[in-house]
Amino acid sequence: ARRDEQGTRMGLRWRNRDYEIVSLTDDDG
């Protein structure tokens, strides 16, 4: 959450594939 708030560009790797994070949301606050 801190990296997202700071605007750090993050990616995600799942099953040896790279993904770009489109959105990262705290569901209920």
Full PDB file with SEQRES, HELIX, SHEET, SSBOND, CRYST1, ORIGX, SCALE, CONECT and MASTER records, all heavy atoms in Angstrom:
SEQRES   1 A   29  ALA ARG ARG ASP GLU GLN GLY THR ARG MET GLY LEU ARG          
SEQRES   2 A   29  TRP ARG ASN ARG ASP TYR GLU ILE VAL SER LEU THR ASP          
SEQRES   3 A   29  ASP ASP GLY                                                  
HELIX    1 AA1 ARG A    2  GLU A    5  1                                   4    
SHEET    1 AA1 2 GLY A  11  TRP A  14  0                                        
SHEET    2 AA1 2 ARG A  17  GLU A  20 -1                                        
CRYST1    1.000    1.000    1.000  90.00  90.00  90.00 P 1           1          
ORIGX1      1.000000  0.000000  0.000000        0.00000                         
ORIGX2      0.000000  1.000000  0.000000        0.00000                         
ORIGX3      0.000000  0.000000  1.000000        0.00000                         
SCALE1      1.000000  0.000000  0.000000        0.00000                         
SCALE2      0.000000  1.000000  0.000000        0.00000                         
SCALE3      0.000000  0.000000  1.000000        0.00000                         
ATOM      1  N   ALA A   1       0.830  -1.205   0.000  1.00  0.00           N  
ATOM      2  CA  ALA A   1       0.000   0.000   0.000  1.00  0.00           C  
ATOM      3  C   ALA A   1       0.868   1.260   0.000  1.00  0.00           C  
ATOM      4  O   ALA A   1       0.567   2.228  -0.700  1.00  0.00           O  
ATOM      5  CB  ALA A   1      -0.933  -0.001   1.202  1.00  0.00           C  
ATOM      6  N   ARG A   2       1.956   1.251   0.754  1.00  0.00           N  
ATOM      7  CA  ARG A   2       2.841   2.416   0.830  1.00  0.00           C  
ATOM      8  C   ARG A   2       3.496   2.681  -0.521  1.00  0.00           C  
ATOM      9  O   ARG A   2       3.567   3.833  -0.970  1.00  0.00           O  
ATOM     10  CB  ARG A   2       3.905   2.194   1.904  1.00  0.00           C  
ATOM     11  CG  ARG A   2       4.730   3.432   2.193  1.00  0.00           C  
ATOM     12  CD  ARG A   2       5.723   3.252   3.335  1.00  0.00           C  
ATOM     13  NE  ARG A   2       5.070   2.767   4.541  1.00  0.00           N  
ATOM     14  CZ  ARG A   2       5.371   1.600   5.129  1.00  0.00           C  
ATOM     15  NH1 ARG A   2       6.297   0.826   4.613  1.00  0.00           N  
ATOM     16  NH2 ARG A   2       4.763   1.232   6.223  1.00  0.00           N  
ATOM     17  N   ARG A   3       3.956   1.640  -1.186  1.00  0.00           N  
ATOM     18  CA  ARG A   3       4.572   1.825  -2.506  1.00  0.00           C  
ATOM     19  C   ARG A   3       3.563   2.391  -3.501  1.00  0.00           C  
ATOM     20  O   ARG A   3       3.901   3.223  -4.325  1.00  0.00           O  
ATOM     21  CB  ARG A   3       5.127   0.500  -3.018  1.00  0.00           C  
ATOM     22  CG  ARG A   3       6.482   0.161  -2.466  1.00  0.00           C  
ATOM     23  CD  ARG A   3       7.013  -1.121  -3.107  1.00  0.00           C  
ATOM     24  NE  ARG A   3       8.422  -1.299  -2.891  1.00  0.00           N  
ATOM     25  CZ  ARG A   3       8.948  -1.923  -1.840  1.00  0.00           C  
ATOM     26  NH1 ARG A   3       8.151  -2.408  -0.913  1.00  0.00           N  
ATOM     27  NH2 ARG A   3      10.252  -2.058  -1.729  1.00  0.00           N  
ATOM     28  N   ASP A   4       2.317   1.918  -3.424  1.00  0.00           N  
ATOM     29  CA  ASP A   4       1.274   2.424  -4.312  1.00  0.00           C  
ATOM     30  C   ASP A   4       0.992   3.894  -4.027  1.00  0.00           C  
ATOM     31  O   ASP A   4       0.858   4.697  -4.943  1.00  0.00           O  
ATOM     32  CB  ASP A   4       0.001   1.593  -4.171  1.00  0.00           C  
ATOM     33  CG  ASP A   4      -1.081   2.020  -5.144  1.00  0.00           C  
ATOM     34  OD1 ASP A   4      -0.787   2.075  -6.353  1.00  0.00           O  
ATOM     35  OD2 ASP A   4      -2.205   2.303  -4.697  1.00  0.00           O  
ATOM     36  N   GLU A   5       0.911   4.271  -2.754  1.00  0.00           N  
ATOM     37  CA  GLU A   5       0.658   5.671  -2.379  1.00  0.00           C  
ATOM     38  C   GLU A   5       1.785   6.584  -2.833  1.00  0.00           C  
ATOM     39  O   GLU A   5       1.551   7.739  -3.191  1.00  0.00           O  
ATOM     40  CB  GLU A   5       0.485   5.785  -0.868  1.00  0.00           C  
ATOM     41  CG  GLU A   5      -0.797   5.164  -0.351  1.00  0.00           C  
ATOM     42  CD  GLU A   5      -0.825   5.066   1.168  1.00  0.00           C  
ATOM     43  OE1 GLU A   5       0.159   5.494   1.820  1.00  0.00           O  
ATOM     44  OE2 GLU A   5      -1.819   4.551   1.699  1.00  0.00           O  
ATOM     45  N   GLN A   6       3.009   6.081  -2.810  1.00  0.00           N  
ATOM     46  CA  GLN A   6       4.165   6.879  -3.227  1.00  0.00           C  
ATOM     47  C   GLN A   6       4.306   6.959  -4.735  1.00  0.00           C  
ATOM     48  O   GLN A   6       5.156   7.679  -5.247  1.00  0.00           O  
ATOM     49  CB  GLN A   6       5.447   6.288  -2.640  1.00  0.00           C  
ATOM     50  CG  GLN A   6       5.525   6.375  -1.139  1.00  0.00           C  
ATOM     51  CD  GLN A   6       6.697   5.588  -0.581  1.00  0.00           C  
ATOM     52  OE1 GLN A   6       7.347   4.807  -1.280  1.00  0.00           O  
ATOM     53  NE2 GLN A   6       6.971   5.788   0.699  1.00  0.00           N  
ATOM     54  N   GLY A   7       3.481   6.216  -5.452  1.00  0.00           N  
ATOM     55  CA  GLY A   7       3.523   6.249  -6.916  1.00  0.00           C  
ATOM     56  C   GLY A   7       4.585   5.352  -7.511  1.00  0.00           C  
ATOM     57  O   GLY A   7       4.938   5.503  -8.680  1.00  0.00           O  
ATOM     58  N   THR A   8       5.107   4.415  -6.720  1.00  0.00           N  
ATOM     59  CA  THR A   8       6.098   3.476  -7.237  1.00  0.00           C  
ATOM     60  C   THR A   8       5.443   2.574  -8.273  1.00  0.00           C  
ATOM     61  O   THR A   8       4.397   1.999  -8.025  1.00  0.00           O  
ATOM     62  CB  THR A   8       6.665   2.606  -6.090  1.00  0.00           C  
ATOM     63  OG1 THR A   8       7.206   3.460  -5.090  1.00  0.00           O  
ATOM     64  CG2 THR A   8       7.731   1.651  -6.594  1.00  0.00           C  
ATOM     65  N   ARG A   9       6.075   2.457  -9.409  1.00  0.00           N  
ATOM     66  CA  ARG A   9       5.537   1.607 -10.466  1.00  0.00           C  
ATOM     67  C   ARG A   9       5.853   0.148 -10.124  1.00  0.00           C  
ATOM     68  O   ARG A   9       7.014  -0.242 -10.046  1.00  0.00           O  
ATOM     69  CB  ARG A   9       6.141   1.989 -11.803  1.00  0.00           C  
ATOM     70  CG  ARG A   9       5.554   1.219 -12.933  1.00  0.00           C  
ATOM     71  CD  ARG A   9       6.097   1.671 -14.243  1.00  0.00           C  
ATOM     72  NE  ARG A   9       5.620   0.758 -15.272  1.00  0.00           N  
ATOM     73  CZ  ARG A   9       5.443   1.105 -16.494  1.00  0.00           C  
ATOM     74  NH1 ARG A   9       5.703   2.326 -16.874  1.00  0.00           N  
ATOM     75  NH2 ARG A   9       5.023   0.238 -17.375  1.00  0.00           N  
ATOM     76  N   MET A  10       4.799  -0.624  -9.923  1.00  0.00           N  
ATOM     77  CA  MET A  10       4.958  -2.023  -9.555  1.00  0.00           C  
ATOM     78  C   MET A  10       4.382  -2.917 -10.637  1.00  0.00           C  
ATOM     79  O   MET A  10       3.491  -2.524 -11.372  1.00  0.00           O  
ATOM     80  CB  MET A  10       4.227  -2.324  -8.241  1.00  0.00           C  
ATOM     81  CG  MET A  10       4.800  -1.646  -7.036  1.00  0.00           C  
ATOM     82  SD  MET A  10       3.963  -2.153  -5.519  1.00  0.00           S  
ATOM     83  CE  MET A  10       2.358  -1.381  -5.735  1.00  0.00           C  
ATOM     84  N   GLY A  11       4.889  -4.114 -10.687  1.00  0.00           N  
ATOM     85  CA  GLY A  11       4.354  -5.142 -11.560  1.00  0.00           C  
ATOM     86  C   GLY A  11       4.027  -6.362 -10.727  1.00  0.00           C  
ATOM     87  O   GLY A  11       4.272  -6.397  -9.516  1.00  0.00           O  
ATOM     88  N   LEU A  12       3.484  -7.366 -11.369  1.00  0.00           N  
ATOM     89  CA  LEU A  12       3.106  -8.578 -10.672  1.00  0.00           C  
ATOM     90  C   LEU A  12       3.499  -9.768 -11.531  1.00  0.00           C  
ATOM     91  O   LEU A  12       3.371  -9.726 -12.754  1.00  0.00           O  
ATOM     92  CB  LEU A  12       1.597  -8.574 -10.428  1.00  0.00           C  
ATOM     93  CG  LEU A  12       1.048  -9.674  -9.553  1.00  0.00           C  
ATOM     94  CD1 LEU A  12       0.057  -9.087  -8.565  1.00  0.00           C  
ATOM     95  CD2 LEU A  12       0.354 -10.714 -10.389  1.00  0.00           C  
ATOM     96  N   ARG A  13       4.021 -10.810 -10.901  1.00  0.00           N  
ATOM     97  CA  ARG A  13       4.387 -12.027 -11.616  1.00  0.00           C  
ATOM     98  C   ARG A  13       3.566 -13.180 -11.043  1.00  0.00           C  
ATOM     99  O   ARG A  13       3.542 -13.387  -9.837  1.00  0.00           O  
ATOM    100  CB  ARG A  13       5.872 -12.302 -11.448  1.00  0.00           C  
ATOM    101  CG  ARG A  13       6.369 -13.456 -12.298  1.00  0.00           C  
ATOM    102  CD  ARG A  13       7.882 -13.554 -12.318  1.00  0.00           C  
ATOM    103  NE  ARG A  13       8.419 -12.388 -13.011  1.00  0.00           N  
ATOM    104  CZ  ARG A  13       9.412 -11.639 -12.529  1.00  0.00           C  
ATOM    105  NH1 ARG A  13       9.958 -11.908 -11.381  1.00  0.00           N  
ATOM    106  NH2 ARG A  13       9.846 -10.600 -13.214  1.00  0.00           N  
ATOM    107  N   TRP A  14       2.881 -13.900 -11.946  1.00  0.00           N  
ATOM    108  CA  TRP A  14       2.065 -15.046 -11.561  1.00  0.00           C  
ATOM    109  C   TRP A  14       2.248 -16.126 -12.603  1.00  0.00           C  
ATOM    110  O   TRP A  14       2.110 -15.869 -13.803  1.00  0.00           O  
ATOM    111  CB  TRP A  14       0.596 -14.637 -11.441  1.00  0.00           C  
ATOM    112  CG  TRP A  14      -0.348 -15.735 -11.135  1.00  0.00           C  
ATOM    113  CD1 TRP A  14      -0.402 -16.481  -9.990  1.00  0.00           C  
ATOM    114  CD2 TRP A  14      -1.398 -16.225 -11.972  1.00  0.00           C  
ATOM    115  NE1 TRP A  14      -1.414 -17.405 -10.062  1.00  0.00           N  
ATOM    116  CE2 TRP A  14      -2.053 -17.269 -11.278  1.00  0.00           C  
ATOM    117  CE3 TRP A  14      -1.854 -15.889 -13.229  1.00  0.00           C  
ATOM    118  CZ2 TRP A  14      -3.120 -17.960 -11.810  1.00  0.00           C  
ATOM    119  CZ3 TRP A  14      -2.919 -16.581 -13.762  1.00  0.00           C  
ATOM    120  CH2 TRP A  14      -3.546 -17.598 -13.046  1.00  0.00           C  
ATOM    121  N   ARG A  15       2.609 -17.310 -12.167  1.00  0.00           N  
ATOM    122  CA  ARG A  15       2.837 -18.448 -13.057  1.00  0.00           C  
ATOM    123  C   ARG A  15       3.804 -18.117 -14.190  1.00  0.00           C  
ATOM    124  O   ARG A  15       3.540 -18.367 -15.363  1.00  0.00           O  
ATOM    125  CB  ARG A  15       1.522 -18.976 -13.614  1.00  0.00           C  
ATOM    126  CG  ARG A  15       0.634 -19.587 -12.565  1.00  0.00           C  
ATOM    127  CD  ARG A  15      -0.570 -20.227 -13.191  1.00  0.00           C  
ATOM    128  NE  ARG A  15      -1.392 -20.868 -12.165  1.00  0.00           N  
ATOM    129  CZ  ARG A  15      -2.554 -21.415 -12.409  1.00  0.00           C  
ATOM    130  NH1 ARG A  15      -3.053 -21.426 -13.625  1.00  0.00           N  
ATOM    131  NH2 ARG A  15      -3.242 -21.963 -11.430  1.00  0.00           N  
ATOM    132  N   ASN A  16       4.907 -17.486 -13.835  1.00  0.00           N  
ATOM    133  CA  ASN A  16       5.983 -17.120 -14.768  1.00  0.00           C  
ATOM    134  C   ASN A  16       5.563 -16.144 -15.857  1.00  0.00           C  
ATOM    135  O   ASN A  16       6.190 -16.072 -16.907  1.00  0.00           O  
ATOM    136  CB  ASN A  16       6.605 -18.373 -15.408  1.00  0.00           C  
ATOM    137  CG  ASN A  16       7.293 -19.225 -14.386  1.00  0.00           C  
ATOM    138  OD1 ASN A  16       7.885 -18.710 -13.431  1.00  0.00           O  
ATOM    139  ND2 ASN A  16       7.211 -20.523 -14.541  1.00  0.00           N  
ATOM    140  N   ARG A  17       4.478 -15.405 -15.644  1.00  0.00           N  
ATOM    141  CA  ARG A  17       4.067 -14.356 -16.586  1.00  0.00           C  
ATOM    142  C   ARG A  17       4.068 -13.032 -15.857  1.00  0.00           C  
ATOM    143  O   ARG A  17       3.710 -12.947 -14.687  1.00  0.00           O  
ATOM    144  CB  ARG A  17       2.672 -14.635 -17.138  1.00  0.00           C  
ATOM    145  CG  ARG A  17       2.666 -15.823 -18.100  1.00  0.00           C  
ATOM    146  CD  ARG A  17       1.373 -15.984 -18.794  1.00  0.00           C  
ATOM    147  NE  ARG A  17       1.144 -14.874 -19.720  1.00  0.00           N  
ATOM    148  CZ  ARG A  17       0.004 -14.686 -20.351  1.00  0.00           C  
ATOM    149  NH1 ARG A  17      -1.006 -15.504 -20.154  1.00  0.00           N  
ATOM    150  NH2 ARG A  17      -0.153 -13.681 -21.169  1.00  0.00           N  
ATOM    151  N   ASP A  18       4.459 -11.995 -16.560  1.00  0.00           N  
ATOM    152  CA  ASP A  18       4.484 -10.649 -15.986  1.00  0.00           C  
ATOM    153  C   ASP A  18       3.202  -9.912 -16.311  1.00  0.00           C  
ATOM    154  O   ASP A  18       2.689 -10.002 -17.426  1.00  0.00           O  
ATOM    155  CB  ASP A  18       5.683  -9.859 -16.530  1.00  0.00           C  
ATOM    156  CG  ASP A  18       6.997 -10.407 -16.001  1.00  0.00           C  
ATOM    157  OD1 ASP A  18       7.010 -10.922 -14.865  1.00  0.00           O  
ATOM    158  OD2 ASP A  18       8.006 -10.313 -16.719  1.00  0.00           O  
ATOM    159  N   TYR A  19       2.711  -9.179 -15.326  1.00  0.00           N  
ATOM    160  CA  TYR A  19       1.484  -8.406 -15.458  1.00  0.00           C  
ATOM    161  C   TYR A  19       1.729  -6.980 -14.985  1.00  0.00           C  
ATOM    162  O   TYR A  19       2.524  -6.750 -14.070  1.00  0.00           O  
ATOM    163  CB  TYR A  19       0.354  -9.029 -14.623  1.00  0.00           C  
ATOM    164  CG  TYR A  19      -0.073 -10.385 -15.110  1.00  0.00           C  
ATOM    165  CD1 TYR A  19       0.575 -11.538 -14.681  1.00  0.00           C  
ATOM    166  CD2 TYR A  19      -1.113 -10.521 -16.015  1.00  0.00           C  
ATOM    167  CE1 TYR A  19       0.188 -12.787 -15.136  1.00  0.00           C  
ATOM    168  CE2 TYR A  19      -1.507 -11.780 -16.470  1.00  0.00           C  
ATOM    169  CZ  TYR A  19      -0.846 -12.899 -16.026  1.00  0.00           C  
ATOM    170  OH  TYR A  19      -1.227 -14.130 -16.480  1.00  0.00           O  
ATOM    171  N   GLU A  20       1.038  -6.055 -15.616  1.00  0.00           N  
ATOM    172  CA  GLU A  20       1.053  -4.654 -15.202  1.00  0.00           C  
ATOM    173  C   GLU A  20      -0.129  -4.431 -14.265  1.00  0.00           C  
ATOM    174  O   GLU A  20      -1.247  -4.855 -14.545  1.00  0.00           O  
ATOM    175  CB  GLU A  20       0.906  -3.753 -16.430  1.00  0.00           C  
ATOM    176  CG  GLU A  20       0.830  -2.290 -16.114  1.00  0.00           C  
ATOM    177  CD  GLU A  20       0.557  -1.462 -17.363  1.00  0.00           C  
ATOM    178  OE1 GLU A  20       0.820  -1.937 -18.479  1.00  0.00           O  
ATOM    179  OE2 GLU A  20       0.063  -0.342 -17.192  1.00  0.00           O  
ATOM    180  N   ILE A  21       0.126  -3.761 -13.147  1.00  0.00           N  
ATOM    181  CA  ILE A  21      -0.951  -3.488 -12.197  1.00  0.00           C  
ATOM    182  C   ILE A  21      -1.763  -2.304 -12.712  1.00  0.00           C  
ATOM    183  O   ILE A  21      -1.247  -1.206 -12.873  1.00  0.00           O  
ATOM    184  CB  ILE A  21      -0.398  -3.214 -10.790  1.00  0.00           C  
ATOM    185  CG1 ILE A  21       0.293  -4.471 -10.257  1.00  0.00           C  
ATOM    186  CG2 ILE A  21      -1.514  -2.772  -9.852  1.00  0.00           C  
ATOM    187  CD1 ILE A  21       0.933  -4.309  -8.897  1.00  0.00           C  
ATOM    188  N   VAL A  22      -3.043  -2.560 -12.990  1.00  0.00           N  
ATOM    189  CA  VAL A  22      -3.947  -1.528 -13.484  1.00  0.00           C  
ATOM    190  C   VAL A  22      -4.506  -0.725 -12.314  1.00  0.00           C  
ATOM    191  O   VAL A  22      -4.576   0.495 -12.357  1.00  0.00           O  
ATOM    192  CB  VAL A  22      -5.096  -2.149 -14.317  1.00  0.00           C  
ATOM    193  CG1 VAL A  22      -6.081  -1.101 -14.750  1.00  0.00           C  
ATOM    194  CG2 VAL A  22      -4.533  -2.897 -15.506  1.00  0.00           C  
ATOM    195  N   SER A  23      -4.926  -1.424 -11.262  1.00  0.00           N  
ATOM    196  CA  SER A  23      -5.414  -0.732 -10.066  1.00  0.00           C  
ATOM    197  C   SER A  23      -5.140  -1.566  -8.833  1.00  0.00           C  
ATOM    198  O   SER A  23      -5.097  -2.796  -8.893  1.00  0.00           O  
ATOM    199  CB  SER A  23      -6.911  -0.426 -10.176  1.00  0.00           C  
ATOM    200  OG  SER A  23      -7.662  -1.614 -10.076  1.00  0.00           O  
ATOM    201  N   LEU A  24      -4.940  -0.869  -7.729  1.00  0.00           N  
ATOM    202  CA  LEU A  24      -4.682  -1.485  -6.437  1.00  0.00           C  
ATOM    203  C   LEU A  24      -5.562  -0.739  -5.443  1.00  0.00           C  
ATOM    204  O   LEU A  24      -5.383   0.460  -5.240  1.00  0.00           O  
ATOM    205  CB  LEU A  24      -3.201  -1.323  -6.107  1.00  0.00           C  
ATOM    206  CG  LEU A  24      -2.642  -2.202  -5.016  1.00  0.00           C  
ATOM    207  CD1 LEU A  24      -1.303  -2.750  -5.456  1.00  0.00           C  
ATOM    208  CD2 LEU A  24      -2.493  -1.417  -3.759  1.00  0.00           C  
ATOM    209  N   THR A  25      -6.563  -1.419  -4.860  1.00  0.00           N  
ATOM    210  CA  THR A  25      -7.585  -0.740  -4.075  1.00  0.00           C  
ATOM    211  C   THR A  25      -7.800  -1.411  -2.726  1.00  0.00           C  
ATOM    212  O   THR A  25      -7.927  -2.636  -2.656  1.00  0.00           O  
ATOM    213  CB  THR A  25      -8.934  -0.762  -4.836  1.00  0.00           C  
ATOM    214  OG1 THR A  25      -8.728  -0.292  -6.153  1.00  0.00           O  
ATOM    215  CG2 THR A  25      -9.961   0.098  -4.153  1.00  0.00           C  
ATOM    216  N   ASP A  26      -7.852  -0.596  -1.673  1.00  0.00           N  
ATOM    217  CA  ASP A  26      -8.266  -1.068  -0.351  1.00  0.00           C  
ATOM    218  C   ASP A  26      -9.790  -1.143  -0.397  1.00  0.00           C  
ATOM    219  O   ASP A  26     -10.468  -0.119  -0.391  1.00  0.00           O  
ATOM    220  CB  ASP A  26      -7.786  -0.095   0.721  1.00  0.00           C  
ATOM    221  CG  ASP A  26      -8.237  -0.467   2.116  1.00  0.00           C  
ATOM    222  OD1 ASP A  26      -8.733  -1.586   2.315  1.00  0.00           O  
ATOM    223  OD2 ASP A  26      -8.088   0.376   3.016  1.00  0.00           O  
ATOM    224  N   ASP A  27     -10.327  -2.361  -0.464  1.00  0.00           N  
ATOM    225  CA  ASP A  27     -11.751  -2.563  -0.735  1.00  0.00           C  
ATOM    226  C   ASP A  27     -12.692  -1.793   0.176  1.00  0.00           C  
ATOM    227  O   ASP A  27     -13.525  -1.027  -0.285  1.00  0.00           O  
ATOM    228  CB  ASP A  27     -12.104  -4.053  -0.644  1.00  0.00           C  
ATOM    229  CG  ASP A  27     -11.790  -4.779  -1.929  1.00  0.00           C  
ATOM    230  OD1 ASP A  27     -11.347  -4.135  -2.883  1.00  0.00           O  
ATOM    231  OD2 ASP A  27     -12.004  -5.998  -1.955  1.00  0.00           O  
ATOM    232  N   ASP A  28     -12.593  -2.016   1.447  1.00  0.00           N  
ATOM    233  CA  ASP A  28     -13.569  -1.434   2.365  1.00  0.00           C  
ATOM    234  C   ASP A  28     -13.026  -0.268   3.172  1.00  0.00           C  
ATOM    235  O   ASP A  28     -13.723   0.270   4.029  1.00  0.00           O  
ATOM    236  CB  ASP A  28     -14.123  -2.514   3.303  1.00  0.00           C  
ATOM    237  CG  ASP A  28     -13.021  -3.243   4.046  1.00  0.00           C  
ATOM    238  OD1 ASP A  28     -11.842  -2.848   3.910  1.00  0.00           O  
ATOM    239  OD2 ASP A  28     -13.326  -4.215   4.757  1.00  0.00           O  
ATOM    240  N   GLY A  29     -11.794   0.123   2.947  1.00  0.00           N  
ATOM    241  CA  GLY A  29     -11.197   1.221   3.694  1.00  0.00           C  
ATOM    242  C   GLY A  29     -10.786   0.838   5.104  1.00  0.00           C  
ATOM    243  O   GLY A  29     -10.338   1.674   5.871  1.00  0.00           O  
TER     244      GLY A  29                                                      
MASTER        0    0    0    1    2    0    0    6  243    1    0    3          
END                                                                             
